[in-house]
Amino acid sequence: MEYFTFLPNEIRLIGNATGKTRLRFAVLLKFYQYQVRFPLQNQEIPEAIINYIVKQLKLKSEIFDQYNWSGRTLVFHRVQIRDFFGFREGTEKERLKWSKNKGTYY
């Protein structure tokens, strides 16, 4: 569970959100930090982890089930989290260059 314990700078980042937005942002943050990807659906996140995060943030776990796994809020959260960790999505040009060069490493 140590991977899902929030540090002070993470609490400050999460502090901008409230209620269910706060919980889903926090879960996305820690999931991304641990898996280096975002979950596609809430079933990917074990209930024990949700409960651990809920305790730290003093929230109710039921609000996590209300999370919409699509939409602008999710996109915005992902951008914020990537920025926090110093990542960004690659461009199509970068993907093409990567796939072209991929075979040269073998």
N, C-alpha and C. Protein backbone atom coordinates (compact mmCIF):
# COMPACT_ATOMS: atom_id res chain seq x y z
N MET A 1 0.81 -1.20 0.00
CA MET A 1 0.00 0.00 0.00
C MET A 1 0.85 1.27 0.00
N GLU A 2 2.14 1.13 0.26
CA GLU A 2 2.99 2.32 0.31
C GLU A 2 2.95 3.11 -0.98
N TYR A 3 2.74 2.44 -2.12
CA TYR A 3 2.67 3.13 -3.40
C TYR A 3 1.44 4.03 -3.50
N PHE A 4 0.47 3.80 -2.66
CA PHE A 4 -0.78 4.54 -2.72
C PHE A 4 -0.94 5.52 -1.55
N THR A 5 0.16 5.78 -0.87
CA THR A 5 0.18 6.78 0.20
C THR A 5 0.56 8.12 -0.42
N PHE A 6 -0.20 9.14 -0.10
CA PHE A 6 0.02 10.45 -0.70
C PHE A 6 1.11 11.24 0.01
N LEU A 7 1.94 11.88 -0.78
CA LEU A 7 2.96 12.79 -0.29
C LEU A 7 2.36 14.20 -0.22
N PRO A 8 2.96 15.10 0.53
CA PRO A 8 2.39 16.46 0.67
C PRO A 8 2.15 17.18 -0.66
N ASN A 9 3.07 17.06 -1.61
CA ASN A 9 2.86 17.73 -2.90
C ASN A 9 1.69 17.12 -3.68
N GLU A 10 1.45 15.83 -3.50
CA GLU A 10 0.31 15.18 -4.15
C GLU A 10 -1.00 15.62 -3.50
N ILE A 11 -0.99 15.77 -2.18
CA ILE A 11 -2.19 16.25 -1.47
C ILE A 11 -2.53 17.66 -1.95
N ARG A 12 -1.53 18.50 -2.14
CA ARG A 12 -1.78 19.86 -2.64
C ARG A 12 -2.40 19.81 -4.04
N LEU A 13 -1.90 18.94 -4.89
CA LEU A 13 -2.44 18.81 -6.24
C LEU A 13 -3.89 18.34 -6.19
N ILE A 14 -4.17 17.36 -5.37
CA ILE A 14 -5.52 16.81 -5.22
C ILE A 14 -6.46 17.84 -4.59
N GLY A 15 -5.90 18.72 -3.77
CA GLY A 15 -6.70 19.70 -3.04
C GLY A 15 -7.51 20.64 -3.91
N ASN A 16 -7.20 20.71 -5.19
CA ASN A 16 -7.95 21.57 -6.10
C ASN A 16 -9.32 20.99 -6.44
N ALA A 17 -9.53 19.73 -6.17
CA ALA A 17 -10.79 19.06 -6.51
C ALA A 17 -11.59 18.78 -5.24
N THR A 18 -12.89 18.56 -5.40
CA THR A 18 -13.76 18.25 -4.26
C THR A 18 -14.63 17.04 -4.57
N GLY A 19 -15.14 16.39 -3.52
CA GLY A 19 -16.09 15.29 -3.65
C GLY A 19 -15.63 14.18 -4.55
N LYS A 20 -16.54 13.73 -5.43
CA LYS A 20 -16.21 12.59 -6.30
C LYS A 20 -15.09 12.94 -7.27
N THR A 21 -14.98 14.21 -7.65
CA THR A 21 -13.89 14.62 -8.52
C THR A 21 -12.56 14.44 -7.81
N ARG A 22 -12.54 14.74 -6.52
CA ARG A 22 -11.31 14.60 -5.74
C ARG A 22 -10.88 13.13 -5.66
N LEU A 23 -11.83 12.25 -5.39
CA LEU A 23 -11.51 10.82 -5.28
C LEU A 23 -11.04 10.26 -6.61
N ARG A 24 -11.75 10.53 -7.67
CA ARG A 24 -11.34 9.96 -8.95
C ARG A 24 -10.00 10.52 -9.41
N PHE A 25 -9.76 11.81 -9.16
CA PHE A 25 -8.46 12.37 -9.51
C PHE A 25 -7.35 11.69 -8.72
N ALA A 26 -7.58 11.50 -7.43
CA ALA A 26 -6.59 10.86 -6.56
C ALA A 26 -6.30 9.43 -7.00
N VAL A 27 -7.34 8.69 -7.35
CA VAL A 27 -7.17 7.31 -7.80
C VAL A 27 -6.40 7.28 -9.12
N LEU A 28 -6.76 8.16 -10.04
CA LEU A 28 -6.04 8.22 -11.32
C LEU A 28 -4.57 8.58 -11.09
N LEU A 29 -4.32 9.52 -10.20
CA LEU A 29 -2.95 9.95 -9.91
C LEU A 29 -2.10 8.78 -9.43
N LYS A 30 -2.59 8.06 -8.43
CA LYS A 30 -1.81 6.97 -7.86
C LYS A 30 -1.72 5.77 -8.81
N PHE A 31 -2.79 5.49 -9.53
CA PHE A 31 -2.76 4.40 -10.50
C PHE A 31 -1.71 4.70 -11.57
N TYR A 32 -1.71 5.93 -12.08
CA TYR A 32 -0.74 6.32 -13.11
C TYR A 32 0.68 6.27 -12.56
N GLN A 33 0.85 6.72 -11.35
CA GLN A 33 2.18 6.70 -10.73
C GLN A 33 2.71 5.27 -10.60
N TYR A 34 1.82 4.35 -10.31
CA TYR A 34 2.22 2.96 -10.10
C TYR A 34 2.30 2.17 -11.40
N GLN A 35 1.35 2.37 -12.31
CA GLN A 35 1.27 1.57 -13.54
C GLN A 35 1.82 2.27 -14.79
N VAL A 36 2.05 3.56 -14.71
CA VAL A 36 2.47 4.39 -15.83
C VAL A 36 1.47 4.28 -17.00
N ARG A 37 0.23 4.22 -16.63
CA ARG A 37 -0.89 4.25 -17.58
C ARG A 37 -2.15 4.55 -16.78
N PHE A 38 -3.20 4.90 -17.48
CA PHE A 38 -4.46 5.17 -16.81
C PHE A 38 -5.38 3.95 -16.91
N PRO A 39 -6.21 3.73 -15.91
CA PRO A 39 -7.17 2.62 -15.99
C PRO A 39 -8.23 2.92 -17.05
N LEU A 40 -8.74 1.87 -17.66
CA LEU A 40 -9.79 2.03 -18.66
C LEU A 40 -11.18 1.97 -18.05
N GLN A 41 -11.26 1.35 -16.89
CA GLN A 41 -12.55 1.23 -16.19
C GLN A 41 -12.29 1.06 -14.70
N ASN A 42 -13.32 1.31 -13.90
CA ASN A 42 -13.11 1.26 -12.44
C ASN A 42 -12.83 -0.14 -11.92
N GLN A 43 -13.18 -1.18 -12.66
CA GLN A 43 -12.92 -2.55 -12.21
C GLN A 43 -11.43 -2.87 -12.17
N GLU A 44 -10.61 -2.06 -12.80
CA GLU A 44 -9.16 -2.27 -12.78
C GLU A 44 -8.54 -1.91 -11.43
N ILE A 45 -9.26 -1.15 -10.64
CA ILE A 45 -8.70 -0.67 -9.38
C ILE A 45 -9.26 -1.51 -8.24
N PRO A 46 -8.41 -2.24 -7.54
CA PRO A 46 -8.88 -3.07 -6.43
C PRO A 46 -9.59 -2.24 -5.35
N GLU A 47 -10.62 -2.81 -4.80
CA GLU A 47 -11.40 -2.13 -3.77
C GLU A 47 -10.54 -1.74 -2.57
N ALA A 48 -9.57 -2.57 -2.24
CA ALA A 48 -8.69 -2.26 -1.10
C ALA A 48 -7.92 -0.96 -1.34
N ILE A 49 -7.52 -0.72 -2.56
CA ILE A 49 -6.80 0.52 -2.88
C ILE A 49 -7.73 1.71 -2.80
N ILE A 50 -8.93 1.57 -3.34
CA ILE A 50 -9.91 2.65 -3.25
C ILE A 50 -10.18 2.97 -1.78
N ASN A 51 -10.38 1.96 -0.97
CA ASN A 51 -10.64 2.18 0.46
C ASN A 51 -9.46 2.84 1.16
N TYR A 52 -8.25 2.47 0.78
CA TYR A 52 -7.05 3.08 1.37
C TYR A 52 -6.97 4.57 1.01
N ILE A 53 -7.26 4.88 -0.24
CA ILE A 53 -7.26 6.28 -0.68
C ILE A 53 -8.39 7.05 0.00
N VAL A 54 -9.55 6.45 0.09
CA VAL A 54 -10.71 7.07 0.74
C VAL A 54 -10.37 7.45 2.18
N LYS A 55 -9.72 6.56 2.90
CA LYS A 55 -9.33 6.84 4.30
C LYS A 55 -8.40 8.03 4.38
N GLN A 56 -7.41 8.07 3.50
CA GLN A 56 -6.45 9.18 3.53
C GLN A 56 -7.11 10.52 3.26
N LEU A 57 -8.08 10.53 2.35
CA LEU A 57 -8.72 11.78 1.94
C LEU A 57 -10.01 12.07 2.71
N LYS A 58 -10.39 11.12 3.58
CA LYS A 58 -11.61 11.27 4.39
C LYS A 58 -12.85 11.49 3.50
N LEU A 59 -13.01 10.58 2.55
CA LEU A 59 -14.14 10.62 1.62
C LEU A 59 -14.96 9.35 1.75
N LYS A 60 -16.03 9.25 0.98
CA LYS A 60 -16.88 8.06 0.97
C LYS A 60 -16.58 7.26 -0.30
N SER A 61 -16.39 5.95 -0.14
CA SER A 61 -16.01 5.11 -1.28
C SER A 61 -17.12 4.99 -2.33
N GLU A 62 -18.38 5.17 -1.93
CA GLU A 62 -19.50 5.02 -2.88
C GLU A 62 -19.40 6.00 -4.04
N ILE A 63 -18.82 7.15 -3.80
CA ILE A 63 -18.76 8.14 -4.87
C ILE A 63 -17.86 7.70 -6.03
N PHE A 64 -16.98 6.76 -5.78
CA PHE A 64 -16.10 6.30 -6.86
C PHE A 64 -16.90 5.58 -7.94
N ASP A 65 -17.94 4.87 -7.58
CA ASP A 65 -18.76 4.14 -8.55
C ASP A 65 -19.52 5.08 -9.49
N GLN A 66 -19.64 6.33 -9.11
CA GLN A 66 -20.36 7.31 -9.92
C GLN A 66 -19.47 7.93 -11.00
N TYR A 67 -18.22 7.52 -11.05
CA TYR A 67 -17.26 8.14 -11.96
C TYR A 67 -17.57 7.80 -13.41
N ASN A 68 -17.60 8.81 -14.23
CA ASN A 68 -17.79 8.66 -15.67
C ASN A 68 -16.41 8.48 -16.32
N TRP A 69 -16.19 7.35 -16.95
CA TRP A 69 -14.88 7.03 -17.53
C TRP A 69 -14.70 7.59 -18.93
N SER A 70 -15.43 8.64 -19.24
CA SER A 70 -15.25 9.36 -20.50
C SER A 70 -15.60 10.82 -20.24
N GLY A 71 -15.32 11.65 -21.19
CA GLY A 71 -15.70 13.05 -21.06
C GLY A 71 -14.53 13.99 -20.82
N ARG A 72 -14.87 15.27 -20.80
CA ARG A 72 -13.85 16.31 -20.69
C ARG A 72 -13.12 16.31 -19.36
N THR A 73 -13.84 15.99 -18.28
CA THR A 73 -13.19 15.99 -16.97
C THR A 73 -12.09 14.95 -16.92
N LEU A 74 -12.36 13.77 -17.45
CA LEU A 74 -11.34 12.71 -17.48
C LEU A 74 -10.12 13.16 -18.29
N VAL A 75 -10.36 13.75 -19.44
CA VAL A 75 -9.27 14.23 -20.29
C VAL A 75 -8.45 15.28 -19.53
N PHE A 76 -9.13 16.21 -18.88
CA PHE A 76 -8.45 17.26 -18.11
C PHE A 76 -7.63 16.66 -16.97
N HIS A 77 -8.20 15.70 -16.26
CA HIS A 77 -7.47 15.04 -15.17
C HIS A 77 -6.21 14.36 -15.70
N ARG A 78 -6.33 13.68 -16.81
CA ARG A 78 -5.17 12.99 -17.38
C ARG A 78 -4.06 13.97 -17.75
N VAL A 79 -4.44 15.10 -18.32
CA VAL A 79 -3.45 16.12 -18.68
C VAL A 79 -2.76 16.64 -17.43
N GLN A 80 -3.53 16.95 -16.39
CA GLN A 80 -2.95 17.44 -15.14
C GLN A 80 -1.97 16.43 -14.54
N ILE A 81 -2.34 15.18 -14.56
CA ILE A 81 -1.50 14.13 -13.97
C ILE A 81 -0.23 13.94 -14.78
N ARG A 82 -0.36 13.90 -16.10
CA ARG A 82 0.85 13.79 -16.93
C ARG A 82 1.78 14.98 -16.68
N ASP A 83 1.21 16.17 -16.62
CA ASP A 83 2.02 17.36 -16.34
C ASP A 83 2.74 17.24 -15.01
N PHE A 84 2.03 16.76 -14.00
CA PHE A 84 2.61 16.62 -12.66
C PHE A 84 3.84 15.72 -12.69
N PHE A 85 3.79 14.66 -13.48
CA PHE A 85 4.91 13.72 -13.57
C PHE A 85 5.90 14.06 -14.68
N GLY A 86 5.64 15.13 -15.42
CA GLY A 86 6.56 15.56 -16.47
C GLY A 86 6.42 14.79 -17.77
N PHE A 87 5.24 14.22 -18.02
CA PHE A 87 4.98 13.48 -19.25
C PHE A 87 4.00 14.24 -20.12
N ARG A 88 3.94 13.85 -21.36
CA ARG A 88 2.92 14.35 -22.28
C ARG A 88 2.62 13.25 -23.29
N GLU A 89 1.48 13.36 -23.94
CA GLU A 89 1.16 12.40 -24.99
C GLU A 89 2.02 12.71 -26.21
N GLY A 90 2.45 11.67 -26.88
CA GLY A 90 3.23 11.85 -28.10
C GLY A 90 2.35 12.31 -29.25
N THR A 91 2.96 12.99 -30.19
CA THR A 91 2.24 13.41 -31.39
C THR A 91 2.23 12.26 -32.40
N GLU A 92 1.41 12.40 -33.41
CA GLU A 92 1.35 11.39 -34.46
C GLU A 92 2.70 11.30 -35.18
N LYS A 93 3.33 12.44 -35.39
CA LYS A 93 4.64 12.47 -36.04
C LYS A 93 5.67 11.69 -35.20
N GLU A 94 5.64 11.87 -33.89
CA GLU A 94 6.56 11.16 -33.01
C GLU A 94 6.28 9.66 -33.01
N ARG A 95 5.01 9.29 -33.05
CA ARG A 95 4.65 7.86 -33.10
C ARG A 95 5.17 7.21 -34.37
N LEU A 96 5.00 7.90 -35.48
CA LEU A 96 5.48 7.36 -36.76
C LEU A 96 6.99 7.21 -36.77
N LYS A 97 7.69 8.21 -36.25
CA LYS A 97 9.15 8.14 -36.17
C LYS A 97 9.57 6.98 -35.28
N TRP A 98 8.91 6.83 -34.14
CA TRP A 98 9.22 5.74 -33.21
C TRP A 98 9.00 4.39 -33.88
N SER A 99 7.86 4.22 -34.54
CA SER A 99 7.56 2.92 -35.15
C SER A 99 8.52 2.63 -36.31
N LYS A 100 8.96 3.66 -37.01
CA LYS A 100 9.91 3.49 -38.10
C LYS A 100 11.27 3.03 -37.56
N ASN A 101 11.69 3.60 -36.45
CA ASN A 101 13.00 3.29 -35.87
C ASN A 101 12.98 2.07 -34.96
N LYS A 102 11.82 1.62 -34.59
CA LYS A 102 11.69 0.52 -33.63
C LYS A 102 12.47 -0.72 -34.07
N GLY A 103 12.41 -1.05 -35.34
CA GLY A 103 13.08 -2.25 -35.83
C GLY A 103 14.59 -2.17 -35.83
N THR A 104 15.15 -0.97 -35.76
CA THR A 104 16.60 -0.83 -35.83
C THR A 104 17.29 -1.23 -34.54
N TYR A 105 16.55 -1.43 -33.46
CA TYR A 105 17.15 -1.79 -32.18
C TYR A 105 17.30 -3.30 -32.00
N TYR A 106 16.82 -4.08 -32.93
CA TYR A 106 16.86 -5.54 -32.78
C TYR A 106 17.92 -6.17 -33.63
